[in-house]
């Protein structure tokens, strides 16, 4: 399908300023955009970079003051939210999906008791255990393992190397990227009575992943010790994230790479967790809370608050502390001069 500046403006609900006939063949960054590549602009700096590029069409947020920038013959698609508008445009130019052929590859090992829905695509060397249920339209790439009594909802995509543990349930329209592990044993050991070794605490719970969840490559969601670890509807988990046993995560949360949630942490709806943040077990994070990158969270976080630091505290307080620490060398120098 051929897109023009006018057709894209209609799709994203933009006000078009300039030519309506520019053909759009793809997307690119503001400073390297070619003549028929669309870009998006969220700051004055990006607007200035775009002016120097060959790009002719850009999505621009209407809150950006571009009055002092001469756009010459370029075309602007003015919108309220350039990020959401660009999300719609990116979907138009999505790369072709490298999915297995329709049906089940001959190399798969599927138990006779498993129930497989219609229009599924199951790639090479997949193992599906006893009494597993696979919903309609699922795409299961090569080398996926699905343990006994597990279920996978309709239209879910499992990329290569994903492991779904026994008795775990995955919702519909989920996407799990390469080598994500759902339902590994939780991390629990206690010293033996004679102190000679560590006793493993066998975990007999499962994992419940709700609809429209995405889990990044090499991330893990451990099974519960004696109940379910839960990931709520619409939540998005980045690569290399560790979700401990019996954690409960609400709806529409975003958790960035290398975050780690200790056992039984409770996270509300619409929370944002920055990269590398760590959470001690059994604490509660209120709905709408925001946790900064590399934070060490050791206490409950009230709903709607922004916390940062190690140990984490309200962001404004942490920033004041950091500012004070930066001033200490100068203060010490002043005191030394007074003493001398």
Protein backbone atom coordinates (compact mmCIF):
# COMPACT_ATOMS: atom_id res chain seq x y z
CA UNK A 1 0.00 0.00 0.00
CA UNK A 2 1.26 3.48 -0.86
CA UNK A 3 1.02 6.14 1.82
CA UNK A 4 1.11 9.90 1.34
CA UNK A 5 1.43 12.74 3.78
CA UNK A 6 -2.33 13.29 3.43
CA UNK A 7 -3.29 9.65 4.05
CA UNK A 8 -1.06 9.42 7.10
CA UNK A 9 -2.45 12.70 8.43
CA UNK A 10 -5.92 11.17 8.20
CA UNK A 11 -4.83 7.97 9.97
CA UNK A 12 -3.29 9.81 12.93
CA UNK A 13 -5.77 12.69 13.03
CA UNK A 14 -3.13 15.34 12.29
CA UNK A 15 -3.40 18.87 10.99
CA UNK A 16 -1.44 18.92 7.72
CA UNK A 17 0.76 21.94 7.01
CA UNK A 18 2.47 21.74 3.61
CA UNK A 19 2.19 19.29 0.74
CA UNK A 20 -0.46 16.59 0.84
CA UNK A 21 1.19 14.53 -1.91
CA UNK A 22 4.55 13.48 -0.48
CA UNK A 23 4.92 9.71 -0.81
CA UNK A 24 5.99 8.03 2.45
CA UNK A 25 7.98 4.80 2.10
CA UNK A 26 9.25 4.35 5.65
CA UNK A 27 10.32 5.98 8.91
CA UNK A 28 13.65 7.19 10.28
CA UNK A 29 15.37 9.39 12.86
CA UNK A 30 15.07 13.15 12.46
CA UNK A 31 18.70 13.85 11.56
CA UNK A 32 19.12 11.06 8.98
CA UNK A 33 15.66 10.92 7.41
CA UNK A 34 15.66 10.59 3.63
CA UNK A 35 13.26 12.35 1.28
CA UNK A 36 10.43 9.81 1.54
CA UNK A 37 10.92 8.82 5.19
CA UNK A 38 8.67 10.12 7.93
CA UNK A 39 10.06 11.11 11.32
CA UNK A 40 8.61 12.50 14.53
CA UNK A 41 9.65 15.49 16.59
CA UNK A 42 9.16 15.93 20.33
CA UNK A 43 11.72 18.68 21.09
CA UNK A 44 13.16 21.83 19.52
CA UNK A 45 16.51 20.04 19.20
CA UNK A 46 15.00 17.33 17.01
CA UNK A 47 13.22 19.96 14.93
CA UNK A 48 16.54 21.70 14.26
CA UNK A 49 18.15 18.39 13.27
CA UNK A 50 15.31 17.59 10.91
CA UNK A 51 15.68 20.90 9.10
CA UNK A 52 19.22 19.84 8.10
CA UNK A 53 18.09 16.40 6.87
CA UNK A 54 16.60 15.36 3.53
CA UNK A 55 13.34 14.32 5.18
CA UNK A 56 10.25 16.09 3.92
CA UNK A 57 7.52 15.03 6.40
CA UNK A 58 7.49 14.96 10.19
CA UNK A 59 4.98 14.41 12.96
CA UNK A 60 5.31 17.37 15.33
CA UNK A 61 3.77 17.89 18.75
CA UNK A 62 1.64 21.01 18.83
CA UNK A 63 3.13 22.03 22.19
CA UNK A 64 6.58 22.52 20.64
CA UNK A 65 7.36 26.17 19.88
CA UNK A 66 8.85 26.06 16.40
CA UNK A 67 8.17 29.72 15.58
CA UNK A 68 11.87 30.50 15.13
CA UNK A 69 12.62 27.53 12.87
CA UNK A 70 12.43 27.91 9.10
CA UNK A 71 11.00 24.64 7.75
CA UNK A 72 11.15 25.83 4.12
CA UNK A 73 9.30 23.33 1.88
CA UNK A 74 8.92 20.62 4.51
CA UNK A 75 5.54 19.21 5.52
CA UNK A 76 4.36 19.05 9.13
CA UNK A 77 1.72 16.75 10.62
CA UNK A 78 0.66 18.56 13.77
CA UNK A 79 -0.71 16.35 16.59
CA UNK A 80 -1.37 16.48 20.33
CA UNK A 81 0.70 13.40 21.13
CA UNK A 82 3.54 12.64 18.68
CA UNK A 83 4.55 9.43 20.47
CA UNK A 84 1.11 7.83 20.09
CA UNK A 85 0.84 9.11 16.53
CA UNK A 86 4.20 7.58 15.68
CA UNK A 87 3.08 4.27 17.22
CA UNK A 88 0.26 4.15 14.67
CA UNK A 89 2.67 4.96 11.85
CA UNK A 90 5.20 2.32 12.90
CA UNK A 91 2.45 -0.28 12.76
CA UNK A 92 1.90 0.64 9.10
CA UNK A 93 5.53 -0.18 8.30
CA UNK A 94 5.93 -3.23 10.54
CA UNK A 95 8.51 -5.77 9.37
CA UNK A 96 7.13 -9.04 7.99
CA UNK A 97 6.65 -11.70 10.66
CA UNK A 98 9.01 -14.67 10.50
CA UNK A 99 6.34 -17.15 11.56
CA UNK A 100 6.29 -20.93 11.03
CA UNK A 101 4.05 -22.31 8.33
CA UNK A 102 0.44 -22.93 9.24
CA UNK A 103 0.16 -26.26 11.04
CA UNK A 104 2.50 -28.37 13.16
CA UNK A 105 6.08 -29.13 12.13
CA UNK A 106 6.85 -32.82 11.80
CA UNK A 107 9.70 -32.64 14.34
CA UNK A 108 7.42 -31.58 17.22
CA UNK A 109 6.68 -33.86 20.16
CA UNK A 110 3.08 -33.32 21.23
CA UNK A 111 1.36 -35.50 23.78
CA UNK A 112 -1.79 -37.17 22.52
CA UNK A 113 -3.80 -35.65 25.38
CA UNK A 114 -2.95 -32.07 24.37
CA UNK A 115 -5.66 -29.90 22.81
CA UNK A 116 -4.47 -27.77 19.90
CA UNK A 117 -6.69 -25.00 18.52
CA UNK A 118 -7.31 -24.10 14.89
CA UNK A 119 -5.03 -22.01 12.67
CA UNK A 120 -1.98 -22.53 14.88
CA UNK A 121 1.61 -22.29 13.67
CA UNK A 122 4.04 -24.52 15.55
CA UNK A 123 7.68 -24.54 14.46
CA UNK A 124 10.41 -27.20 14.69
CA UNK A 125 11.39 -29.11 17.84
CA UNK A 126 8.55 -27.90 20.06
CA UNK A 127 7.55 -30.09 22.99
CA UNK A 128 3.99 -29.93 24.36
CA UNK A 129 3.16 -32.02 27.43
CA UNK A 130 0.16 -33.89 28.78
CA UNK A 131 -3.23 -32.16 28.90
CA UNK A 132 -1.86 -28.88 27.56
CA UNK A 133 -4.35 -26.52 25.89
CA UNK A 134 -3.21 -24.28 23.02
CA UNK A 135 -5.72 -21.67 21.85
CA UNK A 136 -6.69 -20.74 18.30
CA UNK A 137 -4.26 -18.78 16.16
CA UNK A 138 -1.22 -19.21 18.40
CA UNK A 139 2.27 -18.87 16.92
CA UNK A 140 4.87 -21.08 18.61
CA UNK A 141 8.40 -20.74 17.30
CA UNK A 142 11.13 -23.40 17.40
CA UNK A 143 12.40 -25.11 20.56
CA UNK A 144 9.56 -23.99 22.81
CA UNK A 145 8.73 -26.19 25.81
CA UNK A 146 5.22 -26.27 27.33
CA UNK A 147 4.88 -28.45 30.42
CA UNK A 148 1.99 -30.67 31.44
CA UNK A 149 -1.41 -29.19 32.35
CA UNK A 150 -0.35 -25.74 31.10
CA UNK A 151 -2.53 -23.54 28.90
CA UNK A 152 -1.82 -20.86 26.31
CA UNK A 153 -4.58 -18.49 25.22
CA UNK A 154 -5.61 -17.68 21.66
CA UNK A 155 -3.44 -15.51 19.38
CA UNK A 156 -0.47 -15.68 21.77
CA UNK A 157 3.04 -15.67 20.27
CA UNK A 158 5.88 -17.64 21.86
CA UNK A 159 9.29 -16.93 20.37
CA UNK A 160 12.16 -19.42 20.18
CA UNK A 161 13.29 -21.06 23.37
CA UNK A 162 10.38 -19.97 25.56
CA UNK A 163 9.61 -22.34 28.43
CA UNK A 164 6.16 -22.53 29.99
CA UNK A 165 6.28 -24.63 33.14
CA UNK A 166 3.78 -27.29 34.11
CA UNK A 167 0.41 -26.10 35.47
CA UNK A 168 1.07 -22.49 34.38
CA UNK A 169 -1.56 -20.50 32.51
CA UNK A 170 -0.91 -17.88 29.84
CA UNK A 171 -3.65 -15.59 28.56
CA UNK A 172 -4.68 -14.53 25.06
CA UNK A 173 -2.82 -12.08 22.80
CA UNK A 174 0.41 -12.33 24.80
CA UNK A 175 3.92 -12.08 23.34
CA UNK A 176 6.87 -13.81 25.00
CA UNK A 177 10.27 -13.17 23.44
CA UNK A 178 13.21 -15.56 23.09
CA UNK A 179 14.16 -17.70 26.08
CA UNK A 180 11.65 -16.22 28.52
CA UNK A 181 11.01 -18.70 31.32
CA UNK A 182 7.60 -18.93 32.96
CA UNK A 183 7.20 -21.19 35.97
CA UNK A 184 10.73 -22.08 37.04
CA UNK A 185 11.05 -22.94 40.73
CA UNK A 186 11.21 -19.96 43.04
CA UNK A 187 14.43 -19.23 44.90
CA UNK A 188 14.01 -20.68 48.38
CA UNK A 189 16.50 -22.52 50.62
CA UNK A 190 16.98 -22.98 54.35
CA UNK A 191 19.97 -24.33 56.30
CA UNK A 192 19.61 -27.96 57.37
CA UNK A 193 19.28 -28.62 61.11
CA UNK A 194 22.83 -29.93 61.31
CA UNK A 195 24.17 -27.02 59.27
CA UNK A 196 25.67 -29.32 56.67
CA UNK A 197 23.78 -28.11 53.60
CA UNK A 198 20.93 -26.02 52.24
CA UNK A 199 17.46 -27.57 52.07
CA UNK A 200 15.54 -26.75 48.91
CA UNK A 201 11.99 -25.49 49.39
CA UNK A 202 9.98 -27.11 46.61
CA UNK A 203 7.52 -24.69 45.03
CA UNK A 204 4.10 -26.19 44.34
CA UNK A 205 2.28 -23.09 43.06
CA UNK A 206 2.03 -21.88 39.47
CA UNK A 207 2.08 -18.73 37.32
CA UNK A 208 -0.98 -16.90 35.97
CA UNK A 209 -0.28 -14.55 33.07
CA UNK A 210 -3.32 -12.52 32.01
CA UNK A 211 -4.24 -11.29 28.52
CA UNK A 212 -2.14 -8.87 26.42
CA UNK A 213 1.02 -9.30 28.49
CA UNK A 214 4.44 -8.99 26.84
CA UNK A 215 7.57 -10.49 28.40
CA UNK A 216 11.01 -9.71 27.02
CA UNK A 217 13.90 -12.00 26.11
CA UNK A 218 15.65 -13.86 28.95
CA UNK A 219 13.17 -12.72 31.58
CA UNK A 220 11.85 -15.08 34.26
CA UNK A 221 8.60 -15.33 36.18
CA UNK A 222 8.97 -17.89 38.99
CA UNK A 223 6.13 -20.12 40.11
CA UNK A 224 4.56 -19.51 43.49
CA UNK A 225 5.64 -21.37 46.58
CA UNK A 226 2.09 -22.55 47.30
CA UNK A 227 -0.14 -20.20 45.28
CA UNK A 228 0.11 -18.28 42.02
CA UNK A 229 2.57 -15.68 40.82
CA UNK A 230 0.34 -13.25 38.88
CA UNK A 231 1.01 -10.79 36.05
CA UNK A 232 -2.00 -8.60 35.29
CA UNK A 233 -3.63 -7.76 31.99
CA UNK A 234 -1.71 -5.47 29.65
CA UNK A 235 1.52 -5.40 31.65
CA UNK A 236 4.77 -5.12 29.66
CA UNK A 237 8.00 -6.62 31.00
CA UNK A 238 11.37 -5.82 29.39
CA UNK A 239 14.36 -8.12 28.80
CA UNK A 240 16.37 -9.61 31.70
CA UNK A 241 13.72 -9.02 34.37
CA UNK A 242 13.33 -11.32 37.39
CA UNK A 243 9.88 -11.77 38.93
CA UNK A 244 10.10 -13.77 42.15
CA UNK A 245 7.70 -16.35 43.57
CA UNK A 246 4.20 -15.18 44.55
CA UNK A 247 4.72 -11.67 43.21
CA UNK A 248 1.45 -10.02 42.16
CA UNK A 249 1.63 -7.40 39.43
CA UNK A 250 -1.41 -5.36 38.43
CA UNK A 251 -2.66 -4.20 35.06
CA UNK A 252 -0.80 -2.07 32.50
CA UNK A 253 2.47 -1.84 34.40
CA UNK A 254 5.80 -1.33 32.61
CA UNK A 255 8.95 -2.91 34.05
CA UNK A 256 12.29 -2.05 32.44
CA UNK A 257 15.32 -4.30 31.96
CA UNK A 258 17.27 -5.82 34.87
CA UNK A 259 14.62 -5.03 37.46
CA UNK A 260 14.25 -7.66 40.15
CA UNK A 261 11.19 -8.22 42.35
CA UNK A 262 11.65 -10.34 45.47
CA UNK A 263 9.13 -12.91 46.59
CA UNK A 264 5.56 -11.80 47.40
CA UNK A 265 6.01 -8.19 46.27
CA UNK A 266 2.66 -6.63 45.35
CA UNK A 267 2.55 -4.07 42.54
CA UNK A 268 -0.62 -2.10 41.77
CA UNK A 269 -2.00 -1.02 38.39
CA UNK A 270 -0.25 1.37 35.99
CA UNK A 271 3.09 1.34 37.83
CA UNK A 272 6.36 2.27 36.12
CA UNK A 273 9.55 0.53 37.25
CA UNK A 274 12.89 1.77 35.91
CA UNK A 275 15.81 -0.33 34.72
CA UNK A 276 17.82 -2.15 37.37
CA UNK A 277 15.46 -1.38 40.26
CA UNK A 278 15.42 -3.94 43.04
CA UNK A 279 12.63 -4.76 45.53
CA UNK A 280 12.98 -6.64 48.80
CA UNK A 281 10.34 -9.33 49.45
CA UNK A 282 6.83 -8.66 50.79
CA UNK A 283 6.59 -4.91 50.13
CA UNK A 284 3.65 -3.18 48.40
CA UNK A 285 3.85 -0.69 45.53
CA UNK A 286 0.69 1.38 45.16
CA UNK A 287 -1.08 1.91 41.85
CA UNK A 288 0.40 4.62 39.66
CA UNK A 289 3.73 4.65 41.50
CA UNK A 290 6.96 5.37 39.59
CA UNK A 291 10.28 3.84 40.63
CA UNK A 292 13.47 5.34 39.20
CA UNK A 293 16.23 3.31 37.58
CA UNK A 294 18.74 1.55 39.89
CA UNK A 295 16.59 2.22 42.93
CA UNK A 296 16.68 -0.11 45.92
CA UNK A 297 13.12 -0.29 47.24
CA UNK A 298 12.98 -1.42 50.86
CA UNK A 299 9.66 0.01 52.02
CA UNK A 300 6.05 0.20 50.83
CA UNK A 301 5.50 2.91 48.20
CA UNK A 302 2.20 4.83 48.39
CA UNK A 303 -0.01 5.01 45.31
CA UNK A 304 0.90 7.71 42.81
CA UNK A 305 4.27 8.58 44.33
CA UNK A 306 7.63 8.78 42.56
CA UNK A 307 10.56 7.16 44.40
CA UNK A 308 14.27 7.07 43.64
CA UNK A 309 17.61 6.11 45.15
CA UNK A 310 19.22 3.52 47.41
CA UNK A 311 17.50 3.12 49.74
CA UNK A 312 14.64 4.51 47.69
CA UNK A 313 12.60 7.42 48.97
CA UNK A 314 10.39 10.14 47.51
CA UNK A 315 12.16 11.48 44.44
CA UNK A 316 12.21 15.13 45.57
CA UNK A 317 13.84 14.17 48.87
CA UNK A 318 16.41 11.96 47.14
CA UNK A 319 17.35 14.72 44.68
CA UNK A 320 17.80 17.18 47.55
CA UNK A 321 20.08 14.69 49.31
CA UNK A 322 22.15 14.17 46.18
CA UNK A 323 22.43 17.92 45.71
CA UNK A 324 23.60 18.34 49.32
CA UNK A 325 26.19 15.58 48.94
CA UNK A 326 27.61 17.26 45.83
CA UNK A 327 28.11 20.43 47.87
CA UNK A 328 29.99 18.69 50.70
CA UNK A 329 33.51 18.95 49.19
CA UNK A 330 33.13 22.72 48.88
CA UNK A 331 31.77 23.02 52.42
CA UNK A 332 34.62 20.93 53.81
CA UNK A 333 37.13 23.07 51.94
CA UNK A 334 35.59 26.24 53.37
CA UNK A 335 35.72 24.84 56.90
CA UNK A 336 39.34 23.82 56.44
CA UNK A 337 40.25 27.34 55.33
CA UNK A 338 38.47 28.82 58.36
CA UNK A 339 40.40 26.53 60.72
CA UNK A 340 43.68 27.51 59.13
